[in-house]
C-alpha atoms as a PDB file:
ATOM      1  CA  UNK A   1      -0.056  -0.193  -0.048  1.00  0.00           C
ATOM      2  CA  UNK A   2       1.481   3.640  -0.889  1.00  0.00           C
ATOM      3  CA  UNK A   3       2.031   6.067   1.895  1.00  0.00           C
ATOM      4  CA  UNK A   4      -1.284   8.092   0.491  1.00  0.00           C
ATOM      5  CA  UNK A   5      -0.442  11.885   0.333  1.00  0.00           C
ATOM      6  CA  UNK A   6      -1.838  15.031  -1.268  1.00  0.00           C
ATOM      7  CA  UNK A   7       1.322  15.524  -3.623  1.00  0.00           C
ATOM      8  CA  UNK A   8       0.936  11.458  -4.474  1.00  0.00           C
ATOM      9  CA  UNK A   9      -2.572  12.046  -4.893  1.00  0.00           C
ATOM     10  CA  UNK A  10      -1.905  15.208  -7.445  1.00  0.00           C
ATOM     11  CA  UNK A  11       0.679  12.820  -9.131  1.00  0.00           C
ATOM     12  CA  UNK A  12      -1.388  10.557 -10.083  1.00  0.00           C
ATOM     13  CA  UNK A  13      -4.576  12.666 -10.432  1.00  0.00           C
ATOM     14  CA  UNK A  14      -1.912  14.285 -13.052  1.00  0.00           C
ATOM     15  CA  UNK A  15      -2.165  11.175 -15.453  1.00  0.00           C
ATOM     16  CA  UNK A  16      -5.595  12.871 -16.526  1.00  0.00           C
ATOM     17  CA  UNK A  17      -5.183  15.245 -19.009  1.00  0.00           C
ATOM     18  CA  UNK A  18      -7.274  17.895 -18.853  1.00  0.00           C
ATOM     19  CA  UNK A  19      -8.196  21.573 -21.021  1.00  0.00           C
ATOM     20  CA  UNK A  20      -7.102  24.642 -19.250  1.00  0.00           C
ATOM     21  CA  UNK A  21      -9.848  27.763 -18.884  1.00  0.00           C
ATOM     22  CA  UNK A  22     -10.333  31.238 -17.739  1.00  0.00           C
ATOM     23  CA  UNK A  23     -13.052  31.934 -15.843  1.00  0.00           C
ATOM     24  CA  UNK A  24     -14.007  36.107 -16.003  1.00  0.00           C
ATOM     25  CA  UNK A  25     -16.441  37.021 -13.366  1.00  0.00           C
ATOM     26  CA  UNK A  26     -17.023  40.628 -11.665  1.00  0.00           C
ATOM     27  CA  UNK A  27     -15.064  40.331  -8.452  1.00  0.00           C
ATOM     28  CA  UNK A  28     -14.918  43.221  -5.916  1.00  0.00           C
ATOM     29  CA  UNK A  29     -15.893  45.468  -8.421  1.00  0.00           C
ATOM     30  CA  UNK A  30     -13.862  44.487 -11.110  1.00  0.00           C
ATOM     31  CA  UNK A  31     -13.671  42.052 -13.937  1.00  0.00           C
ATOM     32  CA  UNK A  32     -11.143  39.338 -12.900  1.00  0.00           C
ATOM     33  CA  UNK A  33     -10.021  36.251 -14.401  1.00  0.00           C
ATOM     34  CA  UNK A  34      -8.839  33.302 -13.157  1.00  0.00           C
ATOM     35  CA  UNK A  35      -7.563  29.962 -14.656  1.00  0.00           C
ATOM     36  CA  UNK A  36      -8.989  26.453 -14.034  1.00  0.00           C
ATOM     37  CA  UNK A  37      -8.412  23.074 -15.666  1.00  0.00           C
ATOM     38  CA  UNK A  38     -11.362  21.407 -13.898  1.00  0.00           C
ATOM     39  CA  UNK A  39     -14.235  22.175 -16.349  1.00  0.00           C
ATOM     40  CA  UNK A  40     -16.668  19.714 -17.377  1.00  0.00           C
ATOM     41  CA  UNK A  41     -20.299  19.594 -19.188  1.00  0.00           C
ATOM     42  CA  UNK A  42     -23.090  18.673 -16.490  1.00  0.00           C
ATOM     43  CA  UNK A  43     -25.970  18.648 -18.568  1.00  0.00           C
ATOM     44  CA  UNK A  44     -27.358  19.131 -22.209  1.00  0.00           C
ATOM     45  CA  UNK A  45     -31.366  19.896 -20.582  1.00  0.00           C
ATOM     46  CA  UNK A  46     -30.652  22.728 -19.097  1.00  0.00           C
ATOM     47  CA  UNK A  47     -27.290  23.749 -20.500  1.00  0.00           C
ATOM     48  CA  UNK A  48     -24.663  23.722 -17.318  1.00  0.00           C
ATOM     49  CA  UNK A  49     -21.310  23.124 -17.217  1.00  0.00           C
ATOM     50  CA  UNK A  50     -19.063  22.474 -14.039  1.00  0.00           C
ATOM     51  CA  UNK A  51     -15.787  24.504 -12.802  1.00  0.00           C
ATOM     52  CA  UNK A  52     -13.822  23.220  -9.900  1.00  0.00           C
ATOM     53  CA  UNK A  53     -12.256  26.084  -7.723  1.00  0.00           C
ATOM     54  CA  UNK A  54     -10.060  26.360  -4.910  1.00  0.00           C
ATOM     55  CA  UNK A  55     -12.179  27.564  -1.784  1.00  0.00           C
ATOM     56  CA  UNK A  56      -9.561  30.139  -0.599  1.00  0.00           C
ATOM     57  CA  UNK A  57      -9.339  31.747  -4.312  1.00  0.00           C
ATOM     58  CA  UNK A  58     -10.979  35.201  -4.577  1.00  0.00           C
ATOM     59  CA  UNK A  59     -13.239  34.073  -7.449  1.00  0.00           C
ATOM     60  CA  UNK A  60     -14.879  31.065  -5.350  1.00  0.00           C
ATOM     61  CA  UNK A  61     -15.350  33.556  -2.156  1.00  0.00           C
ATOM     62  CA  UNK A  62     -17.012  36.251  -3.956  1.00  0.00           C
ATOM     63  CA  UNK A  63     -19.288  33.675  -6.321  1.00  0.00           C
ATOM     64  CA  UNK A  64     -22.943  33.361  -5.409  1.00  0.00           C
ATOM     65  CA  UNK A  65     -26.312  31.980  -7.135  1.00  0.00           C
ATOM     66  CA  UNK A  66     -26.868  34.656 -10.185  1.00  0.00           C
ATOM     67  CA  UNK A  67     -23.478  36.107 -10.548  1.00  0.00           C
ATOM     68  CA  UNK A  68     -22.382  36.561 -14.360  1.00  0.00           C
ATOM     69  CA  UNK A  69     -19.616  34.168 -16.048  1.00  0.00           C
ATOM     70  CA  UNK A  70     -17.758  33.874 -18.745  1.00  0.00           C
ATOM     71  CA  UNK A  71     -15.522  30.928 -19.878  1.00  0.00           C
ATOM     72  CA  UNK A  72     -12.598  30.803 -22.596  1.00  0.00           C
ATOM     73  CA  UNK A  73     -11.085  27.618 -23.432  1.00  0.00           C
ATOM     74  CA  UNK A  74      -7.765  28.223 -24.154  1.00  0.00           C
ATOM     75  CA  UNK A  75      -5.812  27.063 -26.763  1.00  0.00           C
ATOM     76  CA  UNK A  76      -2.187  25.657 -27.503  1.00  0.00           C
ATOM     77  CA  UNK A  77      -0.759  29.175 -28.076  1.00  0.00           C
ATOM     78  CA  UNK A  78      -2.280  31.270 -24.845  1.00  0.00           C
ATOM     79  CA  UNK A  79      -0.081  29.175 -21.997  1.00  0.00           C
ATOM     80  CA  UNK A  80       0.954  33.182 -21.041  1.00  0.00           C
ATOM     81  CA  UNK A  81      -2.536  34.124 -20.475  1.00  0.00           C
ATOM     82  CA  UNK A  82      -3.023  30.735 -18.447  1.00  0.00           C
ATOM     83  CA  UNK A  83       0.155  31.373 -16.400  1.00  0.00           C
ATOM     84  CA  UNK A  84      -0.921  34.634 -15.667  1.00  0.00           C
ATOM     85  CA  UNK A  85      -4.039  34.115 -14.396  1.00  0.00           C
ATOM     86  CA  UNK A  86      -3.260  30.564 -12.278  1.00  0.00           C
ATOM     87  CA  UNK A  87      -2.729  31.691  -9.142  1.00  0.00           C
ATOM     88  CA  UNK A  88      -6.230  33.778  -8.107  1.00  0.00           C
ATOM     89  CA  UNK A  89      -8.775  36.006  -9.672  1.00  0.00           C
ATOM     90  CA  UNK A  90      -6.840  38.907 -11.419  1.00  0.00           C
ATOM     91  CA  UNK A  91      -8.309  42.104 -12.656  1.00  0.00           C
ATOM     92  CA  UNK A  92      -8.376  41.378 -16.504  1.00  0.00           C
ATOM     93  CA  UNK A  93      -6.163  43.944 -18.503  1.00  0.00           C
ATOM     94  CA  UNK A  94      -4.160  43.826 -15.409  1.00  0.00           C
ATOM     95  CA  UNK A  95       0.034  43.682 -15.825  1.00  0.00           C
ATOM     96  CA  UNK A  96       1.348  41.850 -19.081  1.00  0.00           C
ATOM     97  CA  UNK A  97      -2.176  41.147 -20.595  1.00  0.00           C
ATOM     98  CA  UNK A  98      -4.250  44.528 -22.133  1.00  0.00           C
ATOM     99  CA  UNK A  99      -7.104  44.744 -24.387  1.00  0.00           C
ATOM    100  CA  UNK A 100      -5.860  43.163 -27.585  1.00  0.00           C
ATOM    101  CA  UNK A 101      -6.326  39.755 -25.319  1.00  0.00           C
ATOM    102  CA  UNK A 102      -9.769  40.123 -24.369  1.00  0.00           C
ATOM    103  CA  UNK A 103     -13.180  40.367 -26.892  1.00  0.00           C
ATOM    104  CA  UNK A 104     -17.268  40.739 -25.799  1.00  0.00           C
ATOM    105  CA  UNK A 105     -18.249  37.861 -28.290  1.00  0.00           C
ATOM    106  CA  UNK A 106     -21.469  38.131 -29.537  1.00  0.00           C
ATOM    107  CA  UNK A 107     -23.722  36.942 -27.020  1.00  0.00           C
ATOM    108  CA  UNK A 108     -21.402  37.161 -24.160  1.00  0.00           C
ATOM    109  CA  UNK A 109     -21.784  39.531 -21.341  1.00  0.00           C
ATOM    110  CA  UNK A 110     -18.218  39.516 -20.337  1.00  0.00           C
ATOM    111  CA  UNK A 111     -14.755  39.709 -21.840  1.00  0.00           C
ATOM    112  CA  UNK A 112     -13.847  36.120 -22.924  1.00  0.00           C
ATOM    113  CA  UNK A 113     -10.188  35.500 -23.815  1.00  0.00           C
ATOM    114  CA  UNK A 114      -9.650  36.702 -27.653  1.00  0.00           C
ATOM    115  CA  UNK A 115      -9.079  33.601 -30.184  1.00  0.00           C
ATOM    116  CA  UNK A 116      -9.975  31.223 -27.521  1.00  0.00           C
ATOM    117  CA  UNK A 117     -10.997  27.888 -28.753  1.00  0.00           C
ATOM    118  CA  UNK A 118     -14.417  28.493 -27.027  1.00  0.00           C
ATOM    119  CA  UNK A 119     -16.371  30.348 -24.763  1.00  0.00           C
ATOM    120  CA  UNK A 120     -19.329  29.836 -22.488  1.00  0.00           C
ATOM    121  CA  UNK A 121     -21.171  32.459 -20.956  1.00  0.00           C
ATOM    122  CA  UNK A 122     -23.810  32.591 -18.125  1.00  0.00           C
ATOM    123  CA  UNK A 123     -24.397  32.558 -14.632  1.00  0.00           C
ATOM    124  CA  UNK A 124     -24.070  30.780 -11.170  1.00  0.00           C
ATOM    125  CA  UNK A 125     -26.623  28.150 -10.775  1.00  0.00           C
ATOM    126  CA  UNK A 126     -25.398  26.536  -7.751  1.00  0.00           C
ATOM    127  CA  UNK A 127     -22.651  26.520  -5.372  1.00  0.00           C
ATOM    128  CA  UNK A 128     -21.078  23.203  -3.587  1.00  0.00           C
ATOM    129  CA  UNK A 129     -18.435  22.836  -1.329  1.00  0.00           C
ATOM    130  CA  UNK A 130     -16.286  20.225  -1.706  1.00  0.00           C
ATOM    131  CA  UNK A 131     -12.879  19.650   0.388  1.00  0.00           C
ATOM    132  CA  UNK A 132     -11.047  22.272  -0.207  1.00  0.00           C
ATOM    133  CA  UNK A 133     -12.553  23.288  -3.609  1.00  0.00           C
ATOM    134  CA  UNK A 134     -16.040  24.553  -4.419  1.00  0.00           C
ATOM    135  CA  UNK A 135     -17.791  23.152  -7.081  1.00  0.00           C
ATOM    136  CA  UNK A 136     -19.317  26.093  -9.433  1.00  0.00           C
ATOM    137  CA  UNK A 137     -22.205  25.050 -11.592  1.00  0.00           C
ATOM    138  CA  UNK A 138     -23.204  27.719 -14.057  1.00  0.00           C
ATOM    139  CA  UNK A 139     -25.997  27.759 -16.679  1.00  0.00           C
ATOM    140  CA  UNK A 140     -24.935  28.461 -20.026  1.00  0.00           C
ATOM    141  CA  UNK A 141     -26.659  31.639 -22.077  1.00  0.00           C
ATOM    142  CA  UNK A 142     -24.295  31.954 -24.925  1.00  0.00           C
ATOM    143  CA  UNK A 143     -21.592  29.854 -26.301  1.00  0.00           C
ATOM    144  CA  UNK A 144     -19.199  29.625 -29.197  1.00  0.00           C
ATOM    145  CA  UNK A 145     -18.591  27.109 -31.487  1.00  0.00           C
ATOM    146  CA  UNK A 146     -14.905  26.135 -31.769  1.00  0.00           C
ATOM    147  CA  UNK A 147     -12.416  26.631 -34.821  1.00  0.00           C
ATOM    148  CA  UNK A 148     -11.648  22.893 -36.281  1.00  0.00           C
ATOM    149  CA  UNK A 149      -8.434  24.559 -36.694  1.00  0.00           C
ATOM    150  CA  UNK A 150      -7.183  25.121 -33.817  1.00  0.00           C
ATOM    151  CA  UNK A 151      -5.228  23.017 -31.080  1.00  0.00           C
ATOM    152  CA  UNK A 152      -6.411  23.014 -27.325  1.00  0.00           C
ATOM    153  CA  UNK A 153      -4.258  23.818 -24.345  1.00  0.00           C
ATOM    154  CA  UNK A 154      -3.785  20.649 -22.240  1.00  0.00           C
ATOM    155  CA  UNK A 155      -2.603  20.272 -18.983  1.00  0.00           C
ATOM    156  CA  UNK A 156      -0.875  16.782 -18.152  1.00  0.00           C
ATOM    157  CA  UNK A 157       1.810  15.535 -15.888  1.00  0.00           C
ATOM    158  CA  UNK A 158       2.181  18.719 -14.267  1.00  0.00           C
ATOM    159  CA  UNK A 159       2.976  20.746 -17.917  1.00  0.00           C
ATOM    160  CA  UNK A 160       1.116  22.051 -20.752  1.00  0.00           C
ATOM    161  CA  UNK A 161       0.804  20.235 -24.000  1.00  0.00           C
ATOM    162  CA  UNK A 162      -1.273  20.915 -27.275  1.00  0.00           C
ATOM    163  CA  UNK A 163      -3.196  18.043 -28.932  1.00  0.00           C
ATOM    164  CA  UNK A 164      -3.255  17.699 -32.464  1.00  0.00           C
ATOM    165  CA  UNK A 165      -6.420  16.481 -34.083  1.00  0.00           C
ATOM    166  CA  UNK A 166      -6.160  13.599 -36.035  1.00  0.00           C
ATOM    167  CA  UNK A 167      -9.248  12.191 -38.375  1.00  0.00           C
ATOM    168  CA  UNK A 168      -9.903   8.594 -39.300  1.00  0.00           C
END
């Protein structure tokens, strides 16, 4: 039997590749972004997605039912954006990122990452405490269709990777 530790658990879970997203929402009066790689679709009827956020993060602490948010699915050339927002919710346009990195796409009510693979816009439907994380379930009101020519950004074994699509 292995000595079970949080670090070993993280290493074992790191064998499952995940996509990388940036969640934007209004936090403390400013539009802020936060990287999240725990993102899944939950339901098609109604349209629901889930993001797992560290409970200590500014976004998790500020989240409430009805809060507007947008989720941008990053491409493999957007690692800089992911790293910028990796620690906590940072104000959009703060520091190294500027207006060229953001857009308000048709249907979206909050800024999304420009040239993202796709985005989802909606509001917080439910918040579920889960250990040291908060599961944020969002009702989707708008989304974009992905560009079939972009390569998604993937996080696997503690690092970033791109995945090329092959058709059979």
